[in-house]
Amino acid sequence: MTRLNILLASVLVVCALGLVASQHRARKLFVGLERAQNHSRELEVQWEQLHLDQNVLATASRIDAKARKGLSMQPVPPQRTLYLTIEPQAEKTAMGDGR
């Protein structure tokens, strides 16, 4: 009878140690999950900020101001503008429909 009690006690100790190890592993995984979620939130905020910055930098007025100030560019006067017109027959030929 004492052998059976010793065997059952040792099985109980092994099961208890397995439970403790399992709980510890679950807690470590949960902490890792929380860290990953926090990092994901931080990256999402950073992405939104970069998207806002891109929208600000891509506005036409900002590009125009940078071109005028930084590159000393000026708009082309109407006298220097050349408009090309394509005749309807020439347009068909250019598109490959000329038969």
C-alpha atoms as a PDB file:
ATOM      1  CA  MET A   1       0.000   0.000   0.000  1.00  0.00           C
ATOM      2  CA  THR A   2       2.855   2.398   0.787  1.00  0.00           C
ATOM      3  CA  ARG A   3       4.358   1.806  -2.657  1.00  0.00           C
ATOM      4  CA  LEU A   4       1.091   2.790  -4.269  1.00  0.00           C
ATOM      5  CA  ASN A   5       0.925   5.946  -2.141  1.00  0.00           C
ATOM      6  CA  ILE A   6       4.503   6.851  -3.069  1.00  0.00           C
ATOM      7  CA  LEU A   7       3.780   6.238  -6.748  1.00  0.00           C
ATOM      8  CA  LEU A   8       0.597   8.338  -6.632  1.00  0.00           C
ATOM      9  CA  ALA A   9       2.409  11.115  -4.744  1.00  0.00           C
ATOM     10  CA  SER A  10       5.227  11.168  -7.298  1.00  0.00           C
ATOM     11  CA  VAL A  11       2.671  11.255 -10.169  1.00  0.00           C
ATOM     12  CA  LEU A  12       0.916  14.125  -8.375  1.00  0.00           C
ATOM     13  CA  VAL A  13       4.214  16.045  -8.026  1.00  0.00           C
ATOM     14  CA  VAL A  14       5.056  15.489 -11.702  1.00  0.00           C
ATOM     15  CA  CYS A  15       1.584  16.685 -12.742  1.00  0.00           C
ATOM     16  CA  ALA A  16       1.864  19.739 -10.491  1.00  0.00           C
ATOM     17  CA  LEU A  17       5.263  20.619 -11.976  1.00  0.00           C
ATOM     18  CA  GLY A  18       3.828  20.190 -15.466  1.00  0.00           C
ATOM     19  CA  LEU A  19       0.952  22.511 -14.578  1.00  0.00           C
ATOM     20  CA  VAL A  20       3.326  25.148 -13.190  1.00  0.00           C
ATOM     21  CA  ALA A  21       5.518  24.943 -16.298  1.00  0.00           C
ATOM     22  CA  SER A  22       2.467  25.184 -18.545  1.00  0.00           C
ATOM     23  CA  GLN A  23       1.145  28.234 -16.688  1.00  0.00           C
ATOM     24  CA  HIS A  24       4.551  29.907 -16.851  1.00  0.00           C
ATOM     25  CA  ARG A  25       4.782  29.290 -20.600  1.00  0.00           C
ATOM     26  CA  ALA A  26       1.249  30.624 -21.127  1.00  0.00           C
ATOM     27  CA  ARG A  27       2.090  33.802 -19.207  1.00  0.00           C
ATOM     28  CA  LYS A  28       5.277  34.333 -21.210  1.00  0.00           C
ATOM     29  CA  LEU A  29       3.347  33.894 -24.458  1.00  0.00           C
ATOM     30  CA  PHE A  30       0.668  36.320 -23.264  1.00  0.00           C
ATOM     31  CA  VAL A  31       3.293  38.935 -22.378  1.00  0.00           C
ATOM     32  CA  GLY A  32       4.825  38.481 -25.836  1.00  0.00           C
ATOM     33  CA  LEU A  33       1.401  38.910 -27.425  1.00  0.00           C
ATOM     34  CA  GLU A  34       0.787  42.117 -25.472  1.00  0.00           C
ATOM     35  CA  ARG A  35       4.166  43.498 -26.547  1.00  0.00           C
ATOM     36  CA  ALA A  36       3.455  42.653 -30.187  1.00  0.00           C
ATOM     37  CA  GLN A  37       0.043  44.337 -30.015  1.00  0.00           C
ATOM     38  CA  ASN A  38       1.561  47.467 -28.467  1.00  0.00           C
ATOM     39  CA  HIS A  39       4.228  47.534 -31.161  1.00  0.00           C
ATOM     40  CA  SER A  40       1.521  47.129 -33.795  1.00  0.00           C
ATOM     41  CA  ARG A  41      -0.383  50.104 -32.363  1.00  0.00           C
ATOM     42  CA  GLU A  42       2.779  52.208 -32.358  1.00  0.00           C
ATOM     43  CA  LEU A  43       3.491  51.303 -35.981  1.00  0.00           C
ATOM     44  CA  GLU A  44      -0.090  52.144 -36.954  1.00  0.00           C
ATOM     45  CA  VAL A  45       0.186  55.591 -35.358  1.00  0.00           C
ATOM     46  CA  GLN A  46       3.518  56.116 -37.087  1.00  0.00           C
ATOM     47  CA  TRP A  47       1.997  55.042 -40.435  1.00  0.00           C
ATOM     48  CA  GLU A  48      -0.885  57.503 -40.029  1.00  0.00           C
ATOM     49  CA  GLN A  49       1.573  60.291 -39.203  1.00  0.00           C
ATOM     50  CA  LEU A  50       3.671  59.481 -42.268  1.00  0.00           C
ATOM     51  CA  HIS A  51       0.542  59.426 -44.420  1.00  0.00           C
ATOM     52  CA  LEU A  52      -0.446  62.872 -43.128  1.00  0.00           C
ATOM     53  CA  ASP A  53       3.076  64.165 -43.749  1.00  0.00           C
ATOM     54  CA  GLN A  54       2.990  62.794 -47.298  1.00  0.00           C
ATOM     55  CA  ASN A  55      -0.331  64.518 -47.974  1.00  0.00           C
ATOM     56  CA  VAL A  56       1.030  67.829 -46.686  1.00  0.00           C
ATOM     57  CA  LEU A  57       4.233  67.554 -48.703  1.00  0.00           C
ATOM     58  CA  ALA A  58       2.402  66.548 -51.885  1.00  0.00           C
ATOM     59  CA  THR A  59       0.050  69.524 -52.066  1.00  0.00           C
ATOM     60  CA  ALA A  60       0.403  71.546 -55.258  1.00  0.00           C
ATOM     61  CA  SER A  61       0.946  74.836 -53.433  1.00  0.00           C
ATOM     62  CA  ARG A  62       3.831  73.387 -51.414  1.00  0.00           C
ATOM     63  CA  ILE A  63       5.449  71.903 -54.534  1.00  0.00           C
ATOM     64  CA  ASP A  64       5.000  75.224 -56.332  1.00  0.00           C
ATOM     65  CA  ALA A  65       6.567  77.150 -53.437  1.00  0.00           C
ATOM     66  CA  LYS A  66       9.526  74.748 -53.267  1.00  0.00           C
ATOM     67  CA  ALA A  67      10.052  75.023 -57.033  1.00  0.00           C
ATOM     68  CA  ARG A  68       9.965  78.828 -56.933  1.00  0.00           C
ATOM     69  CA  LYS A  69      12.177  79.263 -53.873  1.00  0.00           C
ATOM     70  CA  GLY A  70      14.503  76.277 -53.881  1.00  0.00           C
ATOM     71  CA  LEU A  71      15.005  75.862 -57.629  1.00  0.00           C
ATOM     72  CA  SER A  72      14.341  79.459 -58.709  1.00  0.00           C
ATOM     73  CA  MET A  73      11.753  78.253 -61.211  1.00  0.00           C
ATOM     74  CA  GLN A  74       9.184  80.567 -62.764  1.00  0.00           C
ATOM     75  CA  PRO A  75       5.956  79.883 -64.639  1.00  0.00           C
ATOM     76  CA  VAL A  76       6.173  79.812 -68.429  1.00  0.00           C
ATOM     77  CA  PRO A  77       4.667  82.946 -70.016  1.00  0.00           C
ATOM     78  CA  PRO A  78       1.902  82.431 -72.599  1.00  0.00           C
ATOM     79  CA  GLN A  79       4.222  83.733 -75.362  1.00  0.00           C
ATOM     80  CA  ARG A  80       6.517  80.730 -74.869  1.00  0.00           C
ATOM     81  CA  THR A  81       3.692  78.178 -74.742  1.00  0.00           C
ATOM     82  CA  LEU A  82       3.163  76.066 -77.840  1.00  0.00           C
ATOM     83  CA  TYR A  83      -0.063  74.108 -78.303  1.00  0.00           C
ATOM     84  CA  LEU A  84      -0.153  71.179 -80.719  1.00  0.00           C
ATOM     85  CA  THR A  85      -3.326  70.039 -82.421  1.00  0.00           C
ATOM     86  CA  ILE A  86      -3.812  66.727 -84.159  1.00  0.00           C
ATOM     87  CA  GLU A  87      -6.111  66.435 -87.126  1.00  0.00           C
ATOM     88  CA  PRO A  88      -8.743  63.678 -86.885  1.00  0.00           C
ATOM     89  CA  GLN A  89      -7.244  61.675 -89.804  1.00  0.00           C
ATOM     90  CA  ALA A  90      -3.723  61.965 -88.412  1.00  0.00           C
ATOM     91  CA  GLU A  91      -5.040  60.877 -84.997  1.00  0.00           C
ATOM     92  CA  LYS A  92      -6.470  57.660 -86.459  1.00  0.00           C
ATOM     93  CA  THR A  93      -3.188  56.951 -88.237  1.00  0.00           C
ATOM     94  CA  ALA A  94      -1.239  57.593 -85.057  1.00  0.00           C
ATOM     95  CA  MET A  95      -3.487  55.177 -83.191  1.00  0.00           C
ATOM     96  CA  GLY A  96      -3.010  52.452 -85.790  1.00  0.00           C
ATOM     97  CA  ASP A  97      -6.503  52.572 -87.289  1.00  0.00           C
ATOM     98  CA  GLY A  98      -5.340  53.898 -90.660  1.00  0.00           C
ATOM     99  CA  ARG A  99      -6.455  51.470 -93.393  1.00  0.00           C
END
